[in-house]
């Protein structure tokens, strides 16, 4: 029984630490800078049927890990989708500027 309690607690901690971004576009550049400093280079993709990297060339983004900014799910929450895409655009622009300056 104790193992179940320990595993349940660990699951809660993991869920809290792996929380989604705020989707507040104002936070995107700051969060991109944090990921760059941590060496966690990725690009956000969005779209329902055919996802795409937001605001950066496909040929560049496909070489990095893909983060979800509303991929493949259908929702009626249009304001959420708009925030996700704007967040992704700002985040991706910051990361793209970093990798193009770096190389």
PDB file of N, CA and C in Angstrom:
ATOM      1  N   UNK A   1       0.823  -1.190   0.000  1.00  0.00           N
ATOM      2  CA  UNK A   1       0.000   0.000   0.000  1.00  0.00           C
ATOM      3  C   UNK A   1       0.865   1.252   0.000  1.00  0.00           C
ATOM      4  N   UNK A   2       2.002   1.169   0.690  1.00  0.00           N
ATOM      5  CA  UNK A   2       2.890   2.320   0.756  1.00  0.00           C
ATOM      6  C   UNK A   2       3.445   2.648  -0.631  1.00  0.00           C
ATOM      7  N   UNK A   3       3.718   1.627  -1.429  1.00  0.00           N
ATOM      8  CA  UNK A   3       4.249   1.844  -2.782  1.00  0.00           C
ATOM      9  C   UNK A   3       3.234   2.585  -3.647  1.00  0.00           C
ATOM     10  N   UNK A   4       1.956   2.293  -3.468  1.00  0.00           N
ATOM     11  CA  UNK A   4       0.914   2.982  -4.230  1.00  0.00           C
ATOM     12  C   UNK A   4       0.899   4.464  -3.866  1.00  0.00           C
ATOM     13  N   UNK A   5       1.057   4.757  -2.599  1.00  0.00           N
ATOM     14  CA  UNK A   5       1.089   6.146  -2.149  1.00  0.00           C
ATOM     15  C   UNK A   5       2.303   6.877  -2.726  1.00  0.00           C
ATOM     16  N   UNK A   6       3.451   6.232  -2.698  1.00  0.00           N
ATOM     17  CA  UNK A   6       4.679   6.833  -3.237  1.00  0.00           C
ATOM     18  C   UNK A   6       4.537   7.065  -4.736  1.00  0.00           C
ATOM     19  N   UNK A   7       4.038   6.081  -5.467  1.00  0.00           N
ATOM     20  CA  UNK A   7       3.870   6.232  -6.915  1.00  0.00           C
ATOM     21  C   UNK A   7       2.844   7.311  -7.251  1.00  0.00           C
ATOM     22  N   UNK A   8       1.767   7.372  -6.488  1.00  0.00           N
ATOM     23  CA  UNK A   8       0.750   8.405  -6.705  1.00  0.00           C
ATOM     24  C   UNK A   8       1.317   9.799  -6.470  1.00  0.00           C
ATOM     25  N   UNK A   9       2.105   9.941  -5.424  1.00  0.00           N
ATOM     26  CA  UNK A   9       2.740  11.227  -5.132  1.00  0.00           C
ATOM     27  C   UNK A   9       3.709  11.622  -6.236  1.00  0.00           C
ATOM     28  N   UNK A  10       4.473  10.656  -6.715  1.00  0.00           N
ATOM     29  CA  UNK A  10       5.419  10.936  -7.803  1.00  0.00           C
ATOM     30  C   UNK A  10       4.688  11.376  -9.065  1.00  0.00           C
ATOM     31  N   UNK A  11       3.581  10.748  -9.359  1.00  0.00           N
ATOM     32  CA  UNK A  11       2.792  11.116 -10.539  1.00  0.00           C
ATOM     33  C   UNK A  11       2.289  12.550 -10.437  1.00  0.00           C
ATOM     34  N   UNK A  12       1.840  12.943  -9.278  1.00  0.00           N
ATOM     35  CA  UNK A  12       1.354  14.313  -9.070  1.00  0.00           C
ATOM     36  C   UNK A  12       2.487  15.310  -9.267  1.00  0.00           C
ATOM     37  N   UNK A  13       3.651  15.017  -8.746  1.00  0.00           N
ATOM     38  CA  UNK A  13       4.804  15.907  -8.898  1.00  0.00           C
ATOM     39  C   UNK A  13       5.178  16.037 -10.369  1.00  0.00           C
ATOM     40  N   UNK A  14       5.220  14.940 -11.082  1.00  0.00           N
ATOM     41  CA  UNK A  14       5.564  14.977 -12.506  1.00  0.00           C
ATOM     42  C   UNK A  14       4.551  15.802 -13.279  1.00  0.00           C
ATOM     43  N   UNK A  15       3.297  15.620 -13.012  1.00  0.00           N
ATOM     44  CA  UNK A  15       2.252  16.391 -13.704  1.00  0.00           C
ATOM     45  C   UNK A  15       2.397  17.878 -13.439  1.00  0.00           C
ATOM     46  N   UNK A  16       2.729  18.235 -12.231  1.00  0.00           N
ATOM     47  CA  UNK A  16       2.884  19.654 -11.900  1.00  0.00           C
ATOM     48  C   UNK A  16       4.113  20.251 -12.570  1.00  0.00           C
ATOM     49  N   UNK A  17       5.192  19.495 -12.626  1.00  0.00           N
ATOM     50  CA  UNK A  17       6.421  19.991 -13.240  1.00  0.00           C
ATOM     51  C   UNK A  17       6.324  20.049 -14.751  1.00  0.00           C
ATOM     52  N   UNK A  18       5.526  19.193 -15.341  1.00  0.00           N
ATOM     53  CA  UNK A  18       5.402  19.134 -16.798  1.00  0.00           C
ATOM     54  C   UNK A  18       4.197  19.938 -17.281  1.00  0.00           C
ATOM     55  N   UNK A  19       3.886  20.996 -16.584  1.00  0.00           N
ATOM     56  CA  UNK A  19       2.728  21.815 -16.951  1.00  0.00           C
ATOM     57  C   UNK A  19       2.943  22.481 -18.300  1.00  0.00           C
ATOM     58  N   UNK A  20       1.843  22.740 -18.972  1.00  0.00           N
ATOM     59  CA  UNK A  20       1.896  23.402 -20.269  1.00  0.00           C
ATOM     60  C   UNK A  20       2.297  24.858 -20.093  1.00  0.00           C
ATOM     61  N   UNK A  21       2.744  25.470 -21.172  1.00  0.00           N
ATOM     62  CA  UNK A  21       3.014  26.905 -21.104  1.00  0.00           C
ATOM     63  C   UNK A  21       1.739  27.659 -20.754  1.00  0.00           C
ATOM     64  N   UNK A  22       1.906  28.912 -20.380  1.00  0.00           N
ATOM     65  CA  UNK A  22       0.755  29.735 -20.023  1.00  0.00           C
ATOM     66  C   UNK A  22      -0.065  30.118 -21.241  1.00  0.00           C
ATOM     67  N   UNK A  23       0.532  30.041 -22.409  1.00  0.00           N
ATOM     68  CA  UNK A  23      -0.052  30.485 -23.674  1.00  0.00           C
ATOM     69  C   UNK A  23      -0.290  31.988 -23.679  1.00  0.00           C
ATOM     70  N   UNK A  24       0.373  32.686 -22.758  1.00  0.00           N
ATOM     71  CA  UNK A  24       0.324  34.141 -22.769  1.00  0.00           C
ATOM     72  C   UNK A  24       1.434  34.608 -23.706  1.00  0.00           C
ATOM     73  N   UNK A  25       1.089  35.187 -24.853  1.00  0.00           N
ATOM     74  CA  UNK A  25       2.120  35.600 -25.812  1.00  0.00           C
ATOM     75  C   UNK A  25       3.186  36.519 -25.213  1.00  0.00           C
ATOM     76  N   UNK A  26       2.826  37.277 -24.186  1.00  0.00           N
ATOM     77  CA  UNK A  26       3.790  38.167 -23.549  1.00  0.00           C
ATOM     78  C   UNK A  26       4.918  37.398 -22.863  1.00  0.00           C
ATOM     79  N   UNK A  27       4.684  36.135 -22.514  1.00  0.00           N
ATOM     80  CA  UNK A  27       5.691  35.313 -21.837  1.00  0.00           C
ATOM     81  C   UNK A  27       6.569  34.518 -22.799  1.00  0.00           C
ATOM     82  N   UNK A  28       6.225  34.484 -24.061  1.00  0.00           N
ATOM     83  CA  UNK A  28       6.881  33.579 -25.010  1.00  0.00           C
ATOM     84  C   UNK A  28       8.374  33.842 -25.156  1.00  0.00           C
ATOM     85  N   UNK A  29       8.778  35.084 -25.339  1.00  0.00           N
ATOM     86  CA  UNK A  29      10.199  35.391 -25.544  1.00  0.00           C
ATOM     87  C   UNK A  29      11.019  35.040 -24.308  1.00  0.00           C
ATOM     88  N   UNK A  30      10.477  35.347 -23.128  1.00  0.00           N
ATOM     89  CA  UNK A  30      11.178  35.030 -21.878  1.00  0.00           C
ATOM     90  C   UNK A  30      11.352  33.518 -21.727  1.00  0.00           C
ATOM     91  N   UNK A  31      10.303  32.766 -22.025  1.00  0.00           N
ATOM     92  CA  UNK A  31      10.386  31.316 -21.907  1.00  0.00           C
ATOM     93  C   UNK A  31      11.312  30.724 -22.969  1.00  0.00           C
ATOM     94  N   UNK A  32      11.356  31.334 -24.136  1.00  0.00           N
ATOM     95  CA  UNK A  32      12.300  30.887 -25.163  1.00  0.00           C
ATOM     96  C   UNK A  32      13.739  31.116 -24.695  1.00  0.00           C
ATOM     97  N   UNK A  33      13.988  32.257 -24.097  1.00  0.00           N
ATOM     98  CA  UNK A  33      15.334  32.542 -23.581  1.00  0.00           C
ATOM     99  C   UNK A  33      15.738  31.543 -22.512  1.00  0.00           C
ATOM    100  N   UNK A  34      14.800  31.174 -21.640  1.00  0.00           N
ATOM    101  CA  UNK A  34      15.087  30.177 -20.607  1.00  0.00           C
ATOM    102  C   UNK A  34      15.449  28.836 -21.244  1.00  0.00           C
ATOM    103  N   UNK A  35      14.694  28.433 -22.265  1.00  0.00           N
ATOM    104  CA  UNK A  35      14.970  27.161 -22.936  1.00  0.00           C
ATOM    105  C   UNK A  35      16.299  27.209 -23.684  1.00  0.00           C
ATOM    106  N   UNK A  36      16.620  28.333 -24.280  1.00  0.00           N
ATOM    107  CA  UNK A  36      17.905  28.476 -24.973  1.00  0.00           C
ATOM    108  C   UNK A  36      19.039  28.322 -23.976  1.00  0.00           C
ATOM    109  N   UNK A  37      18.949  29.012 -22.830  1.00  0.00           N
ATOM    110  CA  UNK A  37      20.001  28.902 -21.806  1.00  0.00           C
ATOM    111  C   UNK A  37      20.145  27.470 -21.301  1.00  0.00           C
ATOM    112  N   UNK A  38      19.020  26.751 -21.231  1.00  0.00           N
ATOM    113  CA  UNK A  38      19.037  25.374 -20.742  1.00  0.00           C
ATOM    114  C   UNK A  38      19.444  24.377 -21.834  1.00  0.00           C
ATOM    115  N   UNK A  39      19.611  24.856 -23.063  1.00  0.00           N
ATOM    116  CA  UNK A  39      19.959  23.959 -24.167  1.00  0.00           C
ATOM    117  C   UNK A  39      18.782  23.141 -24.654  1.00  0.00           C
ATOM    118  N   UNK A  40      17.577  23.587 -24.362  1.00  0.00           N
ATOM    119  CA  UNK A  40      16.360  22.873 -24.741  1.00  0.00           C
ATOM    120  C   UNK A  40      15.770  23.523 -25.995  1.00  0.00           C
ATOM    121  N   UNK A  41      16.429  23.332 -27.132  1.00  0.00           N
ATOM    122  CA  UNK A  41      16.004  23.942 -28.380  1.00  0.00           C
ATOM    123  C   UNK A  41      14.873  23.108 -28.982  1.00  0.00           C
ATOM    124  N   UNK A  42      13.765  23.773 -29.264  1.00  0.00           N
ATOM    125  CA  UNK A  42      12.595  23.113 -29.858  1.00  0.00           C
ATOM    126  C   UNK A  42      11.799  24.177 -30.602  1.00  0.00           C
ATOM    127  N   UNK A  43      10.865  23.730 -31.410  1.00  0.00           N
ATOM    128  CA  UNK A  43       9.954  24.642 -32.090  1.00  0.00           C
ATOM    129  C   UNK A  43       8.527  24.199 -31.844  1.00  0.00           C
ATOM    130  N   UNK A  44       7.653  25.177 -31.645  1.00  0.00           N
ATOM    131  CA  UNK A  44       6.233  24.886 -31.478  1.00  0.00           C
ATOM    132  C   UNK A  44       5.571  24.739 -32.846  1.00  0.00           C
ATOM    133  N   UNK A  45       4.721  23.731 -32.949  1.00  0.00           N
ATOM    134  CA  UNK A  45       3.943  23.449 -34.158  1.00  0.00           C
ATOM    135  C   UNK A  45       2.474  23.583 -33.808  1.00  0.00           C
ATOM    136  N   UNK A  46       1.677  23.960 -34.797  1.00  0.00           N
ATOM    137  CA  UNK A  46       0.236  24.095 -34.598  1.00  0.00           C
ATOM    138  C   UNK A  46      -0.491  23.652 -35.856  1.00  0.00           C
ATOM    139  N   UNK A  47      -1.743  23.356 -35.706  1.00  0.00           N
ATOM    140  CA  UNK A  47      -2.582  22.952 -36.837  1.00  0.00           C
ATOM    141  C   UNK A  47      -3.348  21.702 -36.511  1.00  0.00           C
ATOM    142  N   UNK A  48      -4.495  21.546 -37.141  1.00  0.00           N
ATOM    143  CA  UNK A  48      -5.310  20.379 -36.813  1.00  0.00           C
ATOM    144  C   UNK A  48      -4.995  19.201 -37.717  1.00  0.00           C
ATOM    145  N   UNK A  49      -5.259  19.298 -38.991  1.00  0.00           N
ATOM    146  CA  UNK A  49      -5.025  18.160 -39.879  1.00  0.00           C
ATOM    147  C   UNK A  49      -3.564  18.108 -40.322  1.00  0.00           C
ATOM    148  N   UNK A  50      -3.046  19.231 -40.745  1.00  0.00           N
ATOM    149  CA  UNK A  50      -1.648  19.304 -41.178  1.00  0.00           C
ATOM    150  C   UNK A  50      -0.927  20.312 -40.292  1.00  0.00           C
ATOM    151  N   UNK A  51      -0.196  19.837 -39.302  1.00  0.00           N
ATOM    152  CA  UNK A  51       0.500  20.756 -38.411  1.00  0.00           C
ATOM    153  C   UNK A  51       1.717  21.342 -39.121  1.00  0.00           C
ATOM    154  N   UNK A  52       2.123  22.507 -38.645  1.00  0.00           N
ATOM    155  CA  UNK A  52       3.252  23.201 -39.244  1.00  0.00           C
ATOM    156  C   UNK A  52       3.972  23.987 -38.155  1.00  0.00           C
ATOM    157  N   UNK A  53       5.257  24.256 -38.351  1.00  0.00           N
ATOM    158  CA  UNK A  53       5.953  25.121 -37.398  1.00  0.00           C
ATOM    159  C   UNK A  53       5.435  26.549 -37.593  1.00  0.00           C
ATOM    160  N   UNK A  54       5.215  27.241 -36.531  1.00  0.00           N
ATOM    161  CA  UNK A  54       4.628  28.573 -36.615  1.00  0.00           C
ATOM    162  C   UNK A  54       5.726  29.625 -36.756  1.00  0.00           C
ATOM    163  N   UNK A  55       5.737  30.308 -37.911  1.00  0.00           N
ATOM    164  CA  UNK A  55       6.632  31.441 -38.107  1.00  0.00           C
ATOM    165  C   UNK A  55       8.064  31.128 -38.470  1.00  0.00           C
ATOM    166  N   UNK A  56       8.390  29.879 -38.696  1.00  0.00           N
ATOM    167  CA  UNK A  56       9.763  29.522 -39.094  1.00  0.00           C
ATOM    168  C   UNK A  56       9.710  28.538 -40.255  1.00  0.00           C
ATOM    169  N   UNK A  57      10.787  28.475 -41.047  1.00  0.00           N
ATOM    170  CA  UNK A  57      10.792  27.545 -42.177  1.00  0.00           C
ATOM    171  C   UNK A  57      10.684  26.079 -41.728  1.00  0.00           C
ATOM    172  N   UNK A  58       9.894  25.328 -42.449  1.00  0.00           N
ATOM    173  CA  UNK A  58       9.708  23.905 -42.168  1.00  0.00           C
ATOM    174  C   UNK A  58      11.046  23.173 -42.185  1.00  0.00           C
ATOM    175  N   UNK A  59      11.885  23.494 -43.169  1.00  0.00           N
ATOM    176  CA  UNK A  59      13.162  22.798 -43.333  1.00  0.00           C
ATOM    177  C   UNK A  59      14.079  22.959 -42.119  1.00  0.00           C
ATOM    178  N   UNK A  60      13.943  24.053 -41.410  1.00  0.00           N
ATOM    179  CA  UNK A  60      14.745  24.261 -40.197  1.00  0.00           C
ATOM    180  C   UNK A  60      14.094  23.547 -39.015  1.00  0.00           C
ATOM    181  N   UNK A  61      12.801  23.784 -38.834  1.00  0.00           N
ATOM    182  CA  UNK A  61      12.098  23.251 -37.662  1.00  0.00           C
ATOM    183  C   UNK A  61      12.090  21.729 -37.614  1.00  0.00           C
ATOM    184  N   UNK A  62      12.084  21.081 -38.768  1.00  0.00           N
ATOM    185  CA  UNK A  62      11.997  19.616 -38.761  1.00  0.00           C
ATOM    186  C   UNK A  62      13.236  18.951 -38.161  1.00  0.00           C
ATOM    187  N   UNK A  63      14.324  19.710 -38.001  1.00  0.00           N
ATOM    188  CA  UNK A  63      15.568  19.169 -37.445  1.00  0.00           C
ATOM    189  C   UNK A  63      15.644  19.271 -35.925  1.00  0.00           C
ATOM    190  N   UNK A  64      14.605  19.791 -35.309  1.00  0.00           N
ATOM    191  CA  UNK A  64      14.585  19.986 -33.861  1.00  0.00           C
ATOM    192  C   UNK A  64      13.340  19.321 -33.276  1.00  0.00           C
ATOM    193  N   UNK A  65      13.343  19.094 -31.958  1.00  0.00           N
ATOM    194  CA  UNK A  65      12.147  18.516 -31.331  1.00  0.00           C
ATOM    195  C   UNK A  65      10.914  19.387 -31.575  1.00  0.00           C
ATOM    196  N   UNK A  66       9.793  18.728 -31.663  1.00  0.00           N
ATOM    197  CA  UNK A  66       8.508  19.376 -31.947  1.00  0.00           C
ATOM    198  C   UNK A  66       7.731  19.533 -30.638  1.00  0.00           C
ATOM    199  N   UNK A  67       7.295  20.764 -30.350  1.00  0.00           N
ATOM    200  CA  UNK A  67       6.457  21.034 -29.189  1.00  0.00           C
ATOM    201  C   UNK A  67       5.041  21.332 -29.677  1.00  0.00           C
ATOM    202  N   UNK A  68       4.075  20.981 -28.874  1.00  0.00           N
ATOM    203  CA  UNK A  68       2.668  21.070 -29.255  1.00  0.00           C
ATOM    204  C   UNK A  68       2.062  22.416 -28.856  1.00  0.00           C
ATOM    205  N   UNK A  69       1.619  23.159 -29.865  1.00  0.00           N
ATOM    206  CA  UNK A  69       0.878  24.404 -29.616  1.00  0.00           C
ATOM    207  C   UNK A  69      -0.506  24.266 -30.229  1.00  0.00           C
ATOM    208  N   UNK A  70      -1.133  23.145 -29.976  1.00  0.00           N
ATOM    209  CA  UNK A  70      -2.461  22.891 -30.519  1.00  0.00           C
ATOM    210  C   UNK A  70      -2.399  22.052 -31.780  1.00  0.00           C
ATOM    211  N   UNK A  71      -1.823  20.866 -31.680  1.00  0.00           N
ATOM    212  CA  UNK A  71      -1.688  19.965 -32.829  1.00  0.00           C
ATOM    213  C   UNK A  71      -2.790  18.914 -32.785  1.00  0.00           C
ATOM    214  N   UNK A  72      -3.471  18.766 -33.891  1.00  0.00           N
ATOM    215  CA  UNK A  72      -4.351  17.632 -34.099  1.00  0.00           C
ATOM    216  C   UNK A  72      -5.634  17.580 -33.318  1.00  0.00           C
ATOM    217  N   UNK A  73      -5.871  18.501 -32.443  1.00  0.00           N
ATOM    218  CA  UNK A  73      -7.136  18.413 -31.711  1.00  0.00           C
ATOM    219  C   UNK A  73      -8.096  19.475 -32.217  1.00  0.00           C
ATOM    220  N   UNK A  74      -9.329  19.103 -32.224  1.00  0.00           N
ATOM    221  CA  UNK A  74     -10.371  20.018 -32.670  1.00  0.00           C
ATOM    222  C   UNK A  74     -10.969  20.662 -31.427  1.00  0.00           C
ATOM    223  N   UNK A  75     -11.047  21.972 -31.457  1.00  0.00           N
ATOM    224  CA  UNK A  75     -11.628  22.677 -30.328  1.00  0.00           C
ATOM    225  C   UNK A  75     -12.472  23.834 -30.826  1.00  0.00           C
ATOM    226  N   UNK A  76     -13.449  24.188 -30.055  1.00  0.00           N
ATOM    227  CA  UNK A  76     -14.269  25.351 -30.369  1.00  0.00           C
ATOM    228  C   UNK A  76     -13.759  26.586 -29.651  1.00  0.00           C
ATOM    229  N   UNK A  77     -12.679  26.427 -28.899  1.00  0.00           N
ATOM    230  CA  UNK A  77     -12.107  27.547 -28.145  1.00  0.00           C
ATOM    231  C   UNK A  77     -11.155  28.333 -29.055  1.00  0.00           C
ATOM    232  N   UNK A  78     -11.719  29.165 -29.905  1.00  0.00           N
ATOM    233  CA  UNK A  78     -10.937  29.933 -30.876  1.00  0.00           C
ATOM    234  C   UNK A  78      -9.951  30.881 -30.183  1.00  0.00           C
ATOM    235  N   UNK A  79     -10.332  31.574 -29.120  1.00  0.00           N
ATOM    236  CA  UNK A  79      -9.352  32.437 -28.444  1.00  0.00           C
ATOM    237  C   UNK A  79      -8.128  31.664 -27.933  1.00  0.00           C
ATOM    238  N   UNK A  80      -8.330  30.430 -27.453  1.00  0.00           N
ATOM    239  CA  UNK A  80      -7.203  29.608 -27.021  1.00  0.00           C
ATOM    240  C   UNK A  80      -6.278  29.329 -28.196  1.00  0.00           C
ATOM    241  N   UNK A  81      -6.836  28.918 -29.319  1.00  0.00           N
ATOM    242  CA  UNK A  81      -6.025  28.628 -30.503  1.00  0.00           C
ATOM    243  C   UNK A  81      -5.248  29.861 -30.955  1.00  0.00           C
ATOM    244  N   UNK A  82      -5.881  31.008 -30.901  1.00  0.00           N
ATOM    245  CA  UNK A  82      -5.204  32.241 -31.306  1.00  0.00           C
ATOM    246  C   UNK A  82      -4.052  32.553 -30.366  1.00  0.00           C
ATOM    247  N   UNK A  83      -4.260  32.383 -29.051  1.00  0.00           N
ATOM    248  CA  UNK A  83      -3.174  32.600 -28.080  1.00  0.00           C
ATOM    249  C   UNK A  83      -2.049  31.599 -28.296  1.00  0.00           C
ATOM    250  N   UNK A  84      -2.403  30.330 -28.547  1.00  0.00           N
ATOM    251  CA  UNK A  84      -1.376  29.311 -28.778  1.00  0.00           C
ATOM    252  C   UNK A  84      -0.531  29.655 -30.005  1.00  0.00           C
ATOM    253  N   UNK A  85      -1.179  30.061 -31.077  1.00  0.00           N
ATOM    254  CA  UNK A  85      -0.423  30.385 -32.300  1.00  0.00           C
ATOM    255  C   UNK A  85       0.446  31.620 -32.107  1.00  0.00           C
ATOM    256  N   UNK A  86      -0.062  32.628 -31.438  1.00  0.00           N
ATOM    257  CA  UNK A  86       0.736  33.839 -31.214  1.00  0.00           C
ATOM    258  C   UNK A  86       1.903  33.543 -30.276  1.00  0.00           C
ATOM    259  N   UNK A  87       1.646  32.755 -29.232  1.00  0.00           N
ATOM    260  CA  UNK A  87       2.723  32.328 -28.333  1.00  0.00           C
ATOM    261  C   UNK A  87       3.785  31.578 -29.132  1.00  0.00           C
ATOM    262  N   UNK A  88       3.349  30.619 -29.943  1.00  0.00           N
ATOM    263  CA  UNK A  88       4.269  29.805 -30.726  1.00  0.00           C
ATOM    264  C   UNK A  88       5.080  30.675 -31.694  1.00  0.00           C
ATOM    265  N   UNK A  89       4.421  31.635 -32.340  1.00  0.00           N
ATOM    266  CA  UNK A  89       5.128  32.510 -33.276  1.00  0.00           C
ATOM    267  C   UNK A  89       6.223  33.292 -32.570  1.00  0.00           C
ATOM    268  N   UNK A  90       5.906  33.896 -31.422  1.00  0.00           N
ATOM    269  CA  UNK A  90       6.901  34.686 -30.688  1.00  0.00           C
ATOM    270  C   UNK A  90       8.026  33.813 -30.139  1.00  0.00           C
ATOM    271  N   UNK A  91       7.668  32.672 -29.593  1.00  0.00           N
ATOM    272  CA  UNK A  91       8.667  31.742 -29.063  1.00  0.00           C
ATOM    273  C   UNK A  91       9.593  31.279 -30.187  1.00  0.00           C
ATOM    274  N   UNK A  92       8.998  30.813 -31.277  1.00  0.00           N
ATOM    275  CA  UNK A  92       9.782  30.288 -32.390  1.00  0.00           C
ATOM    276  C   UNK A  92      10.683  31.343 -33.006  1.00  0.00           C
ATOM    277  N   UNK A  93      10.203  32.575 -33.113  1.00  0.00           N
ATOM    278  CA  UNK A  93      11.033  33.643 -33.670  1.00  0.00           C
ATOM    279  C   UNK A  93      12.286  33.850 -32.839  1.00  0.00           C
ATOM    280  N   UNK A  94      12.147  33.804 -31.526  1.00  0.00           N
ATOM    281  CA  UNK A  94      13.298  33.977 -30.627  1.00  0.00           C
ATOM    282  C   UNK A  94      14.290  32.827 -30.798  1.00  0.00           C
ATOM    283  N   UNK A  95      13.787  31.610 -30.838  1.00  0.00           N
ATOM    284  CA  UNK A  95      14.661  30.439 -30.993  1.00  0.00           C
ATOM    285  C   UNK A  95      15.310  30.446 -32.383  1.00  0.00           C
ATOM    286  N   UNK A  96      14.545  30.778 -33.406  1.00  0.00           N
ATOM    287  CA  UNK A  96      15.068  30.823 -34.780  1.00  0.00           C
ATOM    288  C   UNK A  96      16.181  31.857 -34.896  1.00  0.00           C
ATOM    289  N   UNK A  97      15.980  33.026 -34.289  1.00  0.00           N
ATOM    290  CA  UNK A  97      17.024  34.054 -34.309  1.00  0.00           C
ATOM    291  C   UNK A  97      18.291  33.536 -33.640  1.00  0.00           C
ATOM    292  N   UNK A  98      18.143  32.810 -32.549  1.00  0.00           N
ATOM    293  CA  UNK A  98      19.296  32.249 -31.843  1.00  0.00           C
ATOM    294  C   UNK A  98      20.043  31.247 -32.719  1.00  0.00           C
ATOM    295  N   UNK A  99      19.322  30.295 -33.305  1.00  0.00           N
ATOM    296  CA  UNK A  99      20.040  29.256 -34.061  1.00  0.00           C
ATOM    297  C   UNK A  99      20.630  29.805 -35.366  1.00  0.00           C
ATOM    298  N   UNK A 100      20.018  30.823 -35.962  1.00  0.00           N
ATOM    299  CA  UNK A 100      20.593  31.367 -37.196  1.00  0.00           C
ATOM    300  C   UNK A 100      21.809  32.234 -36.885  1.00  0.00           C
ATOM    301  N   UNK A 101      21.877  32.871 -35.710  1.00  0.00           N
ATOM    302  CA  UNK A 101      23.051  33.626 -35.315  1.00  0.00           C
ATOM    303  C   UNK A 101      24.181  32.692 -34.904  1.00  0.00           C
ATOM    304  N   UNK A 102      23.796  31.575 -34.313  1.00  0.00           N
ATOM    305  CA  UNK A 102      24.776  30.612 -33.802  1.00  0.00           C
ATOM    306  C   UNK A 102      25.544  29.924 -34.924  1.00  0.00           C
ATOM    307  N   UNK A 103      24.901  29.702 -36.058  1.00  0.00           N
ATOM    308  CA  UNK A 103      25.531  28.958 -37.142  1.00  0.00           C
ATOM    309  C   UNK A 103      26.048  29.869 -38.200  1.00  0.00           C
TER     310      UNK A 103
END
